[in-house]
């Protein structure tokens, strides 16, 4: 039994490496809660306090902070590469079109600065991203999960990789399943992690096509509820490139399972939300959470976040511990 369990864990660590990332390593088993217990005992308290200060002052920051962790892990693994600035000879992930709307970098920088004062050169930016995402969700009444730590920071960040690997908001369910499978995430993980859209806002320009010209004939996406189309058109006029719309109207600042009720009613804002109704497994998950008001969602979300947070991590002597998250040492 023990050998089977070890083999199962080992496969889950190596799968992303075998599929796509190229730098996941066999030390994946070393990630663990409490990694900094001896080297920086107060680190989690510092991260929590700093994150809470920002999010309580501006609850809309929670969604961008969660999104930073997603966008980091999906491109080259959870190595903090999304935080790196471009240089004169390299365009970094941060400047890719899907990442140009990312926010919350000031929170990561504030956490890093506080940790450098307390424990210089010890805590990675990649671990900070994972903890800040968890704590931001927790502050707005979402789940709390134990975050395995021990990631190190990567030195490579390429705009082209972000363009190629981040799931676009207009993806269909086949494309989404391929994106998730490529980094070792399951169809259930897709359904669960999509629930992050219970918080935050979306840009009108990202849904304009769904509202005004879905097939090139000036029509709306037929998969959208007609009343919801009218609601969105009131918010987003043709050509609007600046307005934001709540993804979960009425509770976009609170982490809950209401997202699934919206998707079940064909009121998911993005095509990628509507896509969950195109697959038997994801549709069943949506309907189950909508019917039960998300009784299992919080537990599922924590599990999927831990799984995602293990993708392509650098450990041991790989990578570095950045002194400033936007720059390699």
Protein backbone atom coordinates (compact mmCIF):
# COMPACT_ATOMS: atom_id res chain seq x y z
CA UNK A 1 0.00 0.00 0.00
CA UNK A 2 2.75 2.41 0.99
CA UNK A 3 4.64 1.85 -2.25
CA UNK A 4 1.49 2.46 -4.29
CA UNK A 5 0.83 5.70 -2.44
CA UNK A 6 4.41 6.89 -3.00
CA UNK A 7 4.20 6.04 -6.69
CA UNK A 8 0.92 7.97 -7.00
CA UNK A 9 2.40 11.07 -5.37
CA UNK A 10 5.56 10.82 -7.45
CA UNK A 11 3.56 10.63 -10.67
CA UNK A 12 1.54 13.71 -9.68
CA UNK A 13 4.78 15.61 -9.18
CA UNK A 14 6.39 14.49 -12.41
CA UNK A 15 3.39 14.65 -14.72
CA UNK A 16 3.66 18.38 -15.49
CA UNK A 17 7.35 17.89 -16.25
CA UNK A 18 6.66 15.02 -18.61
CA UNK A 19 3.90 16.90 -20.37
CA UNK A 20 5.10 20.41 -20.88
CA UNK A 21 7.02 22.43 -18.37
CA UNK A 22 10.51 21.06 -18.71
CA UNK A 23 11.74 22.14 -15.30
CA UNK A 24 9.56 20.39 -12.76
CA UNK A 25 11.75 18.19 -10.64
CA UNK A 26 11.74 15.05 -8.58
CA UNK A 27 11.99 17.04 -5.36
CA UNK A 28 8.31 17.96 -5.62
CA UNK A 29 7.75 15.87 -2.51
CA UNK A 30 9.74 18.41 -0.50
CA UNK A 31 7.06 21.10 -0.64
CA UNK A 32 5.44 21.18 2.77
CA UNK A 33 3.50 23.45 5.12
CA UNK A 34 5.80 25.00 7.69
CA UNK A 35 8.83 25.01 5.37
CA UNK A 36 10.07 28.27 6.95
CA UNK A 37 9.38 27.24 10.54
CA UNK A 38 13.09 27.45 11.48
CA UNK A 39 14.43 29.96 8.94
CA UNK A 40 11.62 32.55 9.21
CA UNK A 41 9.09 31.50 11.86
CA UNK A 42 6.87 34.58 11.52
CA UNK A 43 6.66 34.59 7.73
CA UNK A 44 3.08 33.33 7.38
CA UNK A 45 1.87 35.81 10.00
CA UNK A 46 3.61 38.65 8.14
CA UNK A 47 2.10 37.60 4.82
CA UNK A 48 -1.37 37.31 6.34
CA UNK A 49 -1.21 40.66 8.15
CA UNK A 50 0.07 42.55 5.11
CA UNK A 51 -2.36 40.92 2.69
CA UNK A 52 -5.32 41.51 5.02
CA UNK A 53 -4.41 45.19 5.36
CA UNK A 54 -4.58 45.70 1.60
CA UNK A 55 -7.65 43.54 0.94
CA UNK A 56 -9.71 44.92 3.81
CA UNK A 57 -8.97 48.40 2.51
CA UNK A 58 -9.85 47.40 -1.07
CA UNK A 59 -11.77 44.08 -1.27
CA UNK A 60 -11.67 44.15 -5.08
CA UNK A 61 -7.94 43.37 -4.81
CA UNK A 62 -8.65 39.78 -3.76
CA UNK A 63 -9.51 38.60 -7.27
CA UNK A 64 -6.40 40.10 -8.93
CA UNK A 65 -4.17 38.58 -6.23
CA UNK A 66 -5.70 35.16 -6.80
CA UNK A 67 -5.34 35.67 -10.55
CA UNK A 68 -1.62 36.44 -10.19
CA UNK A 69 -1.04 32.99 -8.73
CA UNK A 70 -3.05 31.33 -11.53
CA UNK A 71 -1.18 33.19 -14.24
CA UNK A 72 2.15 32.38 -12.65
CA UNK A 73 1.53 28.64 -12.36
CA UNK A 74 0.06 28.18 -15.83
CA UNK A 75 3.18 29.54 -17.52
CA UNK A 76 6.37 27.64 -16.74
CA UNK A 77 5.18 26.53 -13.32
CA UNK A 78 4.78 28.27 -9.96
CA UNK A 79 8.12 30.06 -9.98
CA UNK A 80 7.21 33.75 -9.63
CA UNK A 81 8.04 34.43 -13.28
CA UNK A 82 4.86 36.48 -13.79
CA UNK A 83 6.33 39.10 -11.46
CA UNK A 84 9.49 39.76 -13.48
CA UNK A 85 9.81 43.00 -15.43
CA UNK A 86 10.79 43.06 -19.07
CA UNK A 87 14.36 44.07 -19.91
CA UNK A 88 16.01 45.68 -22.92
CA UNK A 89 16.52 42.25 -24.50
CA UNK A 90 13.50 40.30 -23.21
CA UNK A 91 9.75 40.82 -23.15
CA UNK A 92 8.48 39.18 -19.96
CA UNK A 93 5.18 37.42 -19.20
CA UNK A 94 3.92 40.56 -17.49
CA UNK A 95 3.72 42.33 -20.87
CA UNK A 96 1.79 39.61 -22.70
CA UNK A 97 -1.70 40.71 -23.73
CA UNK A 98 -3.48 38.35 -21.25
CA UNK A 99 -1.36 39.76 -18.41
CA UNK A 100 -1.64 43.46 -19.18
CA UNK A 101 -4.74 43.65 -16.95
CA UNK A 102 -3.05 42.00 -13.96
CA UNK A 103 -3.11 44.01 -10.73
CA UNK A 104 -1.91 43.67 -7.17
CA UNK A 105 1.84 43.77 -7.72
CA UNK A 106 2.12 46.42 -4.99
CA UNK A 107 0.78 43.91 -2.46
CA UNK A 108 3.39 41.33 -3.40
CA UNK A 109 6.10 43.98 -3.19
CA UNK A 110 4.89 45.11 0.26
CA UNK A 111 4.88 41.53 1.55
CA UNK A 112 8.33 40.90 0.12
CA UNK A 113 9.70 44.09 1.65
CA UNK A 114 8.33 43.16 5.08
CA UNK A 115 9.83 39.68 4.84
CA UNK A 116 13.21 40.96 3.66
CA UNK A 117 13.39 43.16 6.75
CA UNK A 118 12.61 40.21 9.01
CA UNK A 119 14.35 37.36 7.17
CA UNK A 120 16.50 38.67 4.31
CA UNK A 121 17.08 36.32 1.39
CA UNK A 122 14.93 33.50 2.78
CA UNK A 123 11.37 33.57 1.39
CA UNK A 124 10.75 33.19 -2.34
CA UNK A 125 8.41 35.35 -4.38
CA UNK A 126 6.78 32.17 -5.69
CA UNK A 127 5.83 31.14 -2.15
CA UNK A 128 4.61 34.66 -1.44
CA UNK A 129 2.27 34.45 -4.45
CA UNK A 130 0.81 31.16 -3.21
CA UNK A 131 0.26 32.45 0.33
CA UNK A 132 -1.13 35.84 -0.71
CA UNK A 133 -3.67 34.12 -2.98
CA UNK A 134 -4.84 31.95 -0.07
CA UNK A 135 -4.96 34.79 2.43
CA UNK A 136 -6.75 37.18 0.04
CA UNK A 137 -9.48 34.57 -0.49
CA UNK A 138 -9.74 33.89 3.23
CA UNK A 139 -10.16 37.59 4.08
CA UNK A 140 -13.28 37.83 1.89
CA UNK A 141 -14.97 34.85 3.56
CA UNK A 142 -13.52 32.17 1.31
CA UNK A 143 -11.86 28.88 2.24
CA UNK A 144 -8.56 28.50 4.07
CA UNK A 145 -6.12 25.77 3.08
CA UNK A 146 -2.63 24.77 4.15
CA UNK A 147 -0.13 25.91 1.53
CA UNK A 148 2.85 23.61 0.96
CA UNK A 149 5.97 25.80 0.75
CA UNK A 150 9.53 25.55 -0.46
CA UNK A 151 9.34 26.94 -4.01
CA UNK A 152 12.24 28.86 -5.43
CA UNK A 153 12.11 31.65 -7.97
CA UNK A 154 12.75 31.23 -11.67
CA UNK A 155 14.99 33.47 -13.75
CA UNK A 156 13.13 33.10 -17.06
CA UNK A 157 9.98 34.95 -18.09
CA UNK A 158 8.85 35.12 -21.72
CA UNK A 159 5.89 36.96 -23.19
CA UNK A 160 5.48 34.32 -25.89
CA UNK A 161 4.97 31.55 -23.34
CA UNK A 162 2.18 33.46 -21.61
CA UNK A 163 0.42 33.95 -24.93
CA UNK A 164 0.68 30.25 -25.72
CA UNK A 165 -0.23 28.72 -22.36
CA UNK A 166 -2.79 30.90 -20.59
CA UNK A 167 -6.40 29.74 -21.18
CA UNK A 168 -8.21 32.53 -23.07
CA UNK A 169 -11.67 33.75 -21.95
CA UNK A 170 -13.11 32.70 -25.32
CA UNK A 171 -11.91 29.07 -25.11
CA UNK A 172 -14.32 26.18 -25.60
CA UNK A 173 -14.36 23.22 -23.25
CA UNK A 174 -12.07 21.09 -25.43
CA UNK A 175 -9.42 23.81 -25.42
CA UNK A 176 -9.79 24.32 -21.67
CA UNK A 177 -9.42 20.61 -20.93
CA UNK A 178 -6.29 20.53 -23.07
CA UNK A 179 -4.83 23.57 -21.27
CA UNK A 180 -5.44 22.01 -17.88
CA UNK A 181 -4.30 18.51 -18.85
CA UNK A 182 -1.04 19.92 -20.22
CA UNK A 183 -0.05 20.97 -16.70
CA UNK A 184 -1.40 17.93 -14.91
CA UNK A 185 -4.78 19.31 -13.81
CA UNK A 186 -7.95 17.25 -14.15
CA UNK A 187 -11.36 18.02 -15.60
CA UNK A 188 -12.65 18.38 -12.04
CA UNK A 189 -9.87 20.89 -11.32
CA UNK A 190 -11.09 22.86 -14.33
CA UNK A 191 -14.63 22.96 -12.93
CA UNK A 192 -13.44 23.81 -9.42
CA UNK A 193 -10.87 26.47 -10.28
CA UNK A 194 -13.30 28.18 -12.65
CA UNK A 195 -15.23 28.96 -9.48
CA UNK A 196 -12.64 31.66 -8.79
CA UNK A 197 -14.83 33.79 -11.05
CA UNK A 198 -17.16 34.17 -8.09
CA UNK A 199 -15.07 37.27 -7.29
CA UNK A 200 -13.77 40.10 -9.38
CA UNK A 201 -14.70 41.95 -12.53
CA UNK A 202 -14.25 41.48 -16.26
CA UNK A 203 -13.53 43.98 -19.00
CA UNK A 204 -16.24 44.84 -21.50
CA UNK A 205 -13.81 44.40 -24.38
CA UNK A 206 -13.41 40.73 -23.42
CA UNK A 207 -17.12 40.03 -23.92
CA UNK A 208 -18.04 42.53 -26.63
CA UNK A 209 -17.98 39.83 -29.30
CA UNK A 210 -20.43 37.70 -27.29
CA UNK A 211 -22.86 40.59 -27.13
CA UNK A 212 -22.69 42.27 -30.51
CA UNK A 213 -21.09 40.15 -33.21
CA UNK A 214 -20.78 36.53 -32.17
CA UNK A 215 -21.06 34.94 -35.63
CA UNK A 216 -20.15 38.04 -37.65
CA UNK A 217 -23.79 38.95 -38.23
CA UNK A 218 -24.30 41.42 -35.40
CA UNK A 219 -25.80 38.79 -33.09
CA UNK A 220 -25.29 37.70 -29.49
CA UNK A 221 -23.94 34.37 -28.30
CA UNK A 222 -26.99 32.05 -28.17
CA UNK A 223 -25.52 30.25 -25.16
CA UNK A 224 -26.14 33.41 -23.08
CA UNK A 225 -29.43 33.92 -21.30
CA UNK A 226 -31.31 36.67 -23.17
CA UNK A 227 -32.04 38.69 -20.03
CA UNK A 228 -28.37 38.55 -19.11
CA UNK A 229 -27.48 39.75 -22.60
CA UNK A 230 -29.68 42.80 -22.04
CA UNK A 231 -28.07 43.40 -18.65
CA UNK A 232 -24.58 43.24 -20.12
CA UNK A 233 -25.47 45.48 -23.07
CA UNK A 234 -26.62 48.12 -20.60
CA UNK A 235 -23.18 47.95 -19.01
CA UNK A 236 -21.05 47.48 -22.13
CA UNK A 237 -21.68 49.60 -25.20
CA UNK A 238 -20.13 48.64 -28.58
CA UNK A 239 -16.43 49.47 -28.64
CA UNK A 240 -16.23 50.04 -24.87
CA UNK A 241 -12.65 49.31 -23.83
CA UNK A 242 -12.63 50.77 -20.31
CA UNK A 243 -15.70 49.59 -18.36
CA UNK A 244 -15.58 46.73 -15.85
CA UNK A 245 -18.50 44.41 -15.12
CA UNK A 246 -19.02 42.28 -12.01
CA UNK A 247 -18.56 38.59 -12.83
CA UNK A 248 -20.87 37.60 -9.97
CA UNK A 249 -23.32 40.51 -9.73
CA UNK A 250 -24.20 41.42 -6.17
CA UNK A 251 -21.50 39.37 -4.45
CA UNK A 252 -18.35 39.93 -6.49
CA UNK A 253 -16.46 40.99 -3.35
CA UNK A 254 -17.37 37.81 -1.43
CA UNK A 255 -15.96 34.38 -2.18
CA UNK A 256 -18.89 31.95 -2.38
CA UNK A 257 -20.40 29.34 -4.71
CA UNK A 258 -22.95 31.63 -6.37
CA UNK A 259 -20.91 31.49 -9.58
CA UNK A 260 -22.23 27.98 -10.26
CA UNK A 261 -25.84 29.11 -9.98
CA UNK A 262 -25.12 31.77 -12.58
CA UNK A 263 -23.40 29.37 -14.96
CA UNK A 264 -26.27 26.87 -14.58
CA UNK A 265 -28.64 29.68 -15.65
CA UNK A 266 -26.45 30.46 -18.70
CA UNK A 267 -25.18 33.65 -17.10
CA UNK A 268 -21.46 32.99 -17.07
CA UNK A 269 -19.76 36.14 -18.32
CA UNK A 270 -17.05 34.57 -20.47
CA UNK A 271 -17.25 31.88 -23.12
CA UNK A 272 -14.92 29.85 -20.90
CA UNK A 273 -17.60 29.99 -18.17
CA UNK A 274 -20.36 28.89 -20.55
CA UNK A 275 -18.05 26.12 -21.76
CA UNK A 276 -18.50 24.28 -18.46
CA UNK A 277 -21.97 23.30 -19.66
CA UNK A 278 -20.51 21.67 -22.79
CA UNK A 279 -18.91 18.70 -21.02
CA UNK A 280 -20.66 15.98 -19.02
CA UNK A 281 -18.27 16.10 -16.06
CA UNK A 282 -17.98 19.86 -15.73
CA UNK A 283 -21.72 20.33 -16.29
CA UNK A 284 -22.48 17.82 -13.55
CA UNK A 285 -20.17 19.67 -11.15
CA UNK A 286 -21.79 23.01 -11.97
CA UNK A 287 -25.29 21.65 -11.40
CA UNK A 288 -24.28 19.85 -8.21
CA UNK A 289 -22.78 22.99 -6.67
CA UNK A 290 -25.71 25.13 -7.82
CA UNK A 291 -28.21 22.72 -6.27
CA UNK A 292 -26.30 22.28 -3.01
CA UNK A 293 -25.27 25.93 -2.77
CA UNK A 294 -21.65 24.90 -2.94
CA UNK A 295 -21.55 22.65 0.12
CA UNK A 296 -18.38 20.92 -1.16
CA UNK A 297 -16.92 23.78 -3.16
CA UNK A 298 -14.68 25.31 -0.49
CA UNK A 299 -13.01 21.98 0.29
CA UNK A 300 -12.62 21.19 -3.41
CA UNK A 301 -11.17 24.63 -4.12
CA UNK A 302 -8.50 24.27 -1.46
CA UNK A 303 -7.48 20.85 -2.82
CA UNK A 304 -7.27 22.10 -6.40
CA UNK A 305 -5.28 25.17 -5.36
CA UNK A 306 -2.74 22.98 -3.56
CA UNK A 307 -2.51 20.78 -6.65
CA UNK A 308 -2.06 23.76 -8.95
CA UNK A 309 0.53 25.23 -6.60
CA UNK A 310 2.78 22.19 -7.14
CA UNK A 311 3.04 22.67 -10.90
CA UNK A 312 6.59 22.92 -12.17
CA UNK A 313 8.09 24.11 -8.90
CA UNK A 314 11.80 24.81 -8.52
CA UNK A 315 13.36 23.44 -5.34
CA UNK A 316 16.68 22.61 -3.78
CA UNK A 317 19.47 24.36 -5.67
CA UNK A 318 17.34 25.32 -8.68
CA UNK A 319 16.43 28.93 -9.33
CA UNK A 320 17.07 31.54 -6.65
CA UNK A 321 15.45 33.53 -3.85
CA UNK A 322 14.90 36.95 -5.38
CA UNK A 323 15.64 40.01 -3.27
CA UNK A 324 13.09 42.00 -5.28
CA UNK A 325 10.28 40.14 -7.00
CA UNK A 326 10.37 42.13 -10.25
CA UNK A 327 14.08 41.50 -10.88
CA UNK A 328 16.42 38.54 -10.98
CA UNK A 329 19.32 38.80 -8.57
